[in-house]
C-alpha atoms as a PDB file:
ATOM      1  CA  MET A   1     107.412  88.882  62.313  1.00  0.00           C
ATOM      2  CA  ALA A   2     108.376  87.087  65.504  1.00  0.00           C
ATOM      3  CA  GLY A   3     106.016  85.678  68.067  1.00  0.00           C
ATOM      4  CA  ILE A   4     105.104  82.899  70.473  1.00  0.00           C
ATOM      5  CA  SER A   5     104.807  79.405  69.023  1.00  0.00           C
ATOM      6  CA  SER A   6     104.301  77.441  72.241  1.00  0.00           C
ATOM      7  CA  LEU A   7     103.697  78.011  75.928  1.00  0.00           C
ATOM      8  CA  GLY A   8     103.812  76.008  79.111  1.00  0.00           C
ATOM      9  CA  ILE A   9     102.961  76.629  82.737  1.00  0.00           C
ATOM     10  CA  HIS A  10     103.647  75.222  86.160  1.00  0.00           C
ATOM     11  CA  ILE A  11     101.365  76.013  89.071  1.00  0.00           C
ATOM     12  CA  PRO A  12     102.276  74.345  92.370  1.00  0.00           C
ATOM     13  CA  ARG A  13      99.724  71.891  93.747  1.00  0.00           C
ATOM     14  CA  LEU A  14      99.789  73.245  97.295  1.00  0.00           C
ATOM     15  CA  ARG A  15      97.127  75.811  98.112  1.00  0.00           C
ATOM     16  CA  MET A  16      96.780  78.328 100.909  1.00  0.00           C
ATOM     17  CA  PRO A  17      93.319  79.640 101.788  1.00  0.00           C
ATOM     18  CA  LEU A  18      92.974  83.396 101.533  1.00  0.00           C
ATOM     19  CA  SER A  19      91.475  85.517 104.237  1.00  0.00           C
ATOM     20  CA  LEU A  20      88.350  87.162 102.876  1.00  0.00           C
ATOM     21  CA  ALA A  21      89.476  90.452 104.418  1.00  0.00           C
ATOM     22  CA  HIS A  22      92.489  90.521 102.059  1.00  0.00           C
ATOM     23  CA  ALA A  23      91.105  88.598  99.077  1.00  0.00           C
ATOM     24  CA  PRO A  24      91.151  90.411  95.737  1.00  0.00           C
ATOM     25  CA  ALA A  25      87.902  92.083  94.693  1.00  0.00           C
ATOM     26  CA  GLY A  26      85.517  89.616  93.081  1.00  0.00           C
ATOM     27  CA  ALA A  27      87.274  86.561  94.524  1.00  0.00           C
ATOM     28  CA  PRO A  28      85.028  83.623  95.414  1.00  0.00           C
ATOM     29  CA  SER A  29      84.265  82.962  99.088  1.00  0.00           C
ATOM     30  CA  THR A  30      86.696  80.037  99.052  1.00  0.00           C
ATOM     31  CA  ALA A  31      89.634  81.899  97.525  1.00  0.00           C
ATOM     32  CA  GLU A  32      93.081  80.326  97.659  1.00  0.00           C
ATOM     33  CA  LYS A  33      96.515  80.802  96.166  1.00  0.00           C
ATOM     34  CA  ALA A  34      99.205  78.486  94.819  1.00  0.00           C
ATOM     35  CA  VAL A  35     102.190  77.983  97.118  1.00  0.00           C
ATOM     36  CA  ALA A  36     105.481  76.326  96.202  1.00  0.00           C
ATOM     37  CA  GLY A  37     106.154  73.093  98.053  1.00  0.00           C
ATOM     38  CA  HIS A  38     109.243  72.435 100.157  1.00  0.00           C
ATOM     39  CA  ASP A  39     110.954  70.906  97.104  1.00  0.00           C
ATOM     40  CA  GLU A  40     109.992  73.667  94.637  1.00  0.00           C
ATOM     41  CA  ASP A  41     111.833  76.867  93.833  1.00  0.00           C
ATOM     42  CA  VAL A  42     112.310  79.232  90.905  1.00  0.00           C
ATOM     43  CA  VAL A  43     114.546  76.740  89.077  1.00  0.00           C
ATOM     44  CA  THR A  44     112.409  73.614  89.519  1.00  0.00           C
ATOM     45  CA  MET A  45     109.232  75.478  88.563  1.00  0.00           C
ATOM     46  CA  ALA A  46     110.944  76.982  85.487  1.00  0.00           C
ATOM     47  CA  VAL A  47     112.093  73.505  84.393  1.00  0.00           C
ATOM     48  CA  ALA A  48     108.553  72.150  84.802  1.00  0.00           C
ATOM     49  CA  ALA A  49     107.054  75.018  82.758  1.00  0.00           C
ATOM     50  CA  ALA A  50     109.725  74.594  80.064  1.00  0.00           C
ATOM     51  CA  ARG A  51     109.032  70.866  79.785  1.00  0.00           C
ATOM     52  CA  ASP A  52     105.339  71.643  79.405  1.00  0.00           C
ATOM     53  CA  CYS A  53     106.150  74.180  76.672  1.00  0.00           C
ATOM     54  CA  LEU A  54     108.488  71.828  74.793  1.00  0.00           C
ATOM     55  CA  ARG A  55     106.488  68.608  75.265  1.00  0.00           C
ATOM     56  CA  GLU A  56     105.781  68.241  71.551  1.00  0.00           C
ATOM     57  CA  ARG A  57     108.943  69.916  70.255  1.00  0.00           C
ATOM     58  CA  GLU A  58     112.597  69.092  69.951  1.00  0.00           C
ATOM     59  CA  ALA A  59     114.340  70.955  72.775  1.00  0.00           C
ATOM     60  CA  GLY A  60     117.833  70.610  71.297  1.00  0.00           C
ATOM     61  CA  HIS A  61     117.327  73.432  68.830  1.00  0.00           C
ATOM     62  CA  ILE A  62     116.887  76.235  71.355  1.00  0.00           C
ATOM     63  CA  ASP A  63     119.411  79.036  70.701  1.00  0.00           C
ATOM     64  CA  ARG A  64     118.834  81.031  73.885  1.00  0.00           C
ATOM     65  CA  LEU A  65     117.169  80.634  77.255  1.00  0.00           C
ATOM     66  CA  TYR A  66     116.114  83.696  79.239  1.00  0.00           C
ATOM     67  CA  LEU A  67     114.951  83.310  82.840  1.00  0.00           C
ATOM     68  CA  ALA A  68     113.148  86.183  84.552  1.00  0.00           C
ATOM     69  CA  SER A  69     112.562  86.181  88.305  1.00  0.00           C
ATOM     70  CA  THR A  70     112.352  88.607  91.182  1.00  0.00           C
ATOM     71  CA  SER A  71     113.081  85.792  93.630  1.00  0.00           C
ATOM     72  CA  GLY A  72     115.982  83.899  92.063  1.00  0.00           C
ATOM     73  CA  PRO A  73     117.779  81.430  94.330  1.00  0.00           C
ATOM     74  CA  PHE A  74     121.333  82.598  93.575  1.00  0.00           C
ATOM     75  CA  ALA A  75     123.135  85.866  94.185  1.00  0.00           C
ATOM     76  CA  GLU A  76     125.801  85.338  91.516  1.00  0.00           C
ATOM     77  CA  LYS A  77     125.312  81.926  89.901  1.00  0.00           C
ATOM     78  CA  SER A  78     123.149  81.804  86.779  1.00  0.00           C
ATOM     79  CA  ALA A  79     119.782  80.146  87.403  1.00  0.00           C
ATOM     80  CA  ALA A  80     119.170  80.223  83.625  1.00  0.00           C
ATOM     81  CA  ALA A  81     122.272  78.070  83.063  1.00  0.00           C
ATOM     82  CA  VAL A  82     121.047  75.565  85.663  1.00  0.00           C
ATOM     83  CA  VAL A  83     117.665  75.370  83.902  1.00  0.00           C
ATOM     84  CA  ALA A  84     119.329  74.916  80.494  1.00  0.00           C
ATOM     85  CA  ARG A  85     121.430  72.068  81.891  1.00  0.00           C
ATOM     86  CA  ALA A  86     118.390  70.401  83.478  1.00  0.00           C
ATOM     87  CA  LEU A  87     116.633  70.557  80.082  1.00  0.00           C
ATOM     88  CA  ASN A  88     119.710  69.142  78.275  1.00  0.00           C
ATOM     89  CA  LEU A  89     119.777  72.062  75.850  1.00  0.00           C
ATOM     90  CA  GLY A  90     123.456  71.597  75.048  1.00  0.00           C
ATOM     91  CA  GLU A  91     126.539  73.677  75.627  1.00  0.00           C
ATOM     92  CA  GLU A  92     125.881  76.014  72.683  1.00  0.00           C
ATOM     93  CA  VAL A  93     122.738  77.582  74.162  1.00  0.00           C
ATOM     94  CA  HIS A  94     123.184  81.160  75.371  1.00  0.00           C
ATOM     95  CA  THR A  95     121.567  81.886  78.734  1.00  0.00           C
ATOM     96  CA  ALA A  96     120.670  85.078  80.558  1.00  0.00           C
ATOM     97  CA  ASP A  97     119.046  85.908  83.875  1.00  0.00           C
ATOM     98  CA  PHE A  98     116.665  88.865  84.126  1.00  0.00           C
ATOM     99  CA  GLY A  99     115.717  90.197  87.557  1.00  0.00           C
ATOM    100  CA  GLY A 100     115.650  93.087  89.939  1.00  0.00           C
ATOM    101  CA  SER A 101     112.283  94.362  88.786  1.00  0.00           C
ATOM    102  CA  LEU A 102     108.687  93.280  88.327  1.00  0.00           C
ATOM    103  CA  ARG A 103     109.301  94.160  84.657  1.00  0.00           C
ATOM    104  CA  ALA A 104     111.967  91.442  84.284  1.00  0.00           C
ATOM    105  CA  ALA A 105     109.670  89.074  82.374  1.00  0.00           C
ATOM    106  CA  ALA A 106     108.564  91.803  79.955  1.00  0.00           C
ATOM    107  CA  THR A 107     112.204  92.737  79.374  1.00  0.00           C
ATOM    108  CA  ALA A 108     113.152  89.091  78.743  1.00  0.00           C
ATOM    109  CA  LEU A 109     110.289  88.663  76.254  1.00  0.00           C
ATOM    110  CA  THR A 110     111.176  91.892  74.446  1.00  0.00           C
ATOM    111  CA  SER A 111     114.825  90.803  74.269  1.00  0.00           C
ATOM    112  CA  ALA A 112     113.790  87.434  72.820  1.00  0.00           C
ATOM    113  CA  LEU A 113     111.590  89.060  70.180  1.00  0.00           C
ATOM    114  CA  ASP A 114     114.413  91.471  69.275  1.00  0.00           C
ATOM    115  CA  ALA A 115     116.939  88.600  68.963  1.00  0.00           C
ATOM    116  CA  VAL A 116     114.655  86.626  66.657  1.00  0.00           C
ATOM    117  CA  LEU A 117     113.793  89.676  64.540  1.00  0.00           C
ATOM    118  CA  ALA A 118     117.478  90.595  64.249  1.00  0.00           C
ATOM    119  CA  GLY A 119     118.342  87.050  63.154  1.00  0.00           C
ATOM    120  CA  SER A 120     120.812  86.443  65.979  1.00  0.00           C
ATOM    121  CA  ALA A 121     118.596  83.634  67.327  1.00  0.00           C
ATOM    122  CA  ALA A 122     115.993  81.408  65.706  1.00  0.00           C
ATOM    123  CA  ARG A 123     114.323  80.031  68.845  1.00  0.00           C
ATOM    124  CA  VAL A 124     114.403  81.603  72.296  1.00  0.00           C
ATOM    125  CA  LEU A 125     112.854  79.993  75.379  1.00  0.00           C
ATOM    126  CA  VAL A 126     111.640  82.700  77.773  1.00  0.00           C
ATOM    127  CA  LEU A 127     110.820  81.660  81.344  1.00  0.00           C
ATOM    128  CA  ALA A 128     109.280  83.664  84.169  1.00  0.00           C
ATOM    129  CA  SER A 129     109.270  81.983  87.556  1.00  0.00           C
ATOM    130  CA  ASP A 130     108.719  83.334  91.047  1.00  0.00           C
ATOM    131  CA  VAL A 131     108.316  82.158  94.616  1.00  0.00           C
ATOM    132  CA  ARG A 132     107.188  85.296  96.392  1.00  0.00           C
ATOM    133  CA  VAL A 133     107.814  85.326 100.128  1.00  0.00           C
ATOM    134  CA  ALA A 134     105.864  87.761 102.289  1.00  0.00           C
ATOM    135  CA  GLU A 135     105.414  88.473 105.980  1.00  0.00           C
ATOM    136  CA  PRO A 136     103.030  85.904 107.524  1.00  0.00           C
ATOM    137  CA  ARG A 137      99.426  87.119 107.912  1.00  0.00           C
ATOM    138  CA  SER A 138     100.135  90.263 105.884  1.00  0.00           C
ATOM    139  CA  ALA A 139      98.014  91.644 103.074  1.00  0.00           C
ATOM    140  CA  GLN A 140     100.943  90.973 100.723  1.00  0.00           C
ATOM    141  CA  GLU A 141     100.974  87.293 101.702  1.00  0.00           C
ATOM    142  CA  GLN A 142      97.361  87.095 100.575  1.00  0.00           C
ATOM    143  CA  GLN A 143      98.090  88.685  97.187  1.00  0.00           C
ATOM    144  CA  LEU A 144     101.240  86.886  96.016  1.00  0.00           C
ATOM    145  CA  GLY A 145     101.187  83.407  94.477  1.00  0.00           C
ATOM    146  CA  ASP A 146     103.895  81.129  93.112  1.00  0.00           C
ATOM    147  CA  ALA A 147     104.061  79.897  89.502  1.00  0.00           C
ATOM    148  CA  ALA A 148     106.136  79.692  86.323  1.00  0.00           C
ATOM    149  CA  ILE A 149     105.446  80.211  82.629  1.00  0.00           C
ATOM    150  CA  ALA A 150     107.477  79.327  79.535  1.00  0.00           C
ATOM    151  CA  LEU A 151     107.144  80.922  76.090  1.00  0.00           C
ATOM    152  CA  LEU A 152     108.895  79.731  72.940  1.00  0.00           C
ATOM    153  CA  VAL A 153     109.666  82.706  70.683  1.00  0.00           C
ATOM    154  CA  GLU A 154     110.446  82.189  67.013  1.00  0.00           C
ATOM    155  CA  ARG A 155     109.850  83.637  63.559  1.00  0.00           C
ATOM    156  CA  ASP A 156     106.462  83.108  61.893  1.00  0.00           C
ATOM    157  CA  ALA A 157     104.812  81.965  65.130  1.00  0.00           C
ATOM    158  CA  PRO A 158     101.001  81.889  65.449  1.00  0.00           C
ATOM    159  CA  LEU A 159     100.895  84.631  68.111  1.00  0.00           C
ATOM    160  CA  ARG A 160     102.777  87.558  66.557  1.00  0.00           C
ATOM    161  CA  PHE A 161     103.944  90.884  67.918  1.00  0.00           C
END
């Protein structure tokens, strides 16, 4: 079995109050959402989530790093490779960017589980990070928040699939 052995998150500190007219059902009267700061983007948030995930582990033994985002900062350059370099994962780590769909994170996680089960990778770091930009004062602006999550996938992990 393969599964998740560690996780980490990054939620930006900045908050934007939500209009009660567009707040999700059941939201408190002082609803707010997380908003990336001027110095935060998909890459910096992914690095922060990865560091949180790996805080008690040796990062040098990661075989693959998958980064999923619908709002990646580059058209052609690999954001996953930039994250791997920032984490000092070494030149042997294989990286891949997943995007173009809201299902990108699910696809990245499934790919990581498949790689571990097949034996082609022992430890895969899966990251999902998004900075969702919407039209000011729109209903969509009220519903989209910014954040990143990191999941370490390996064999015999506590959370199995």
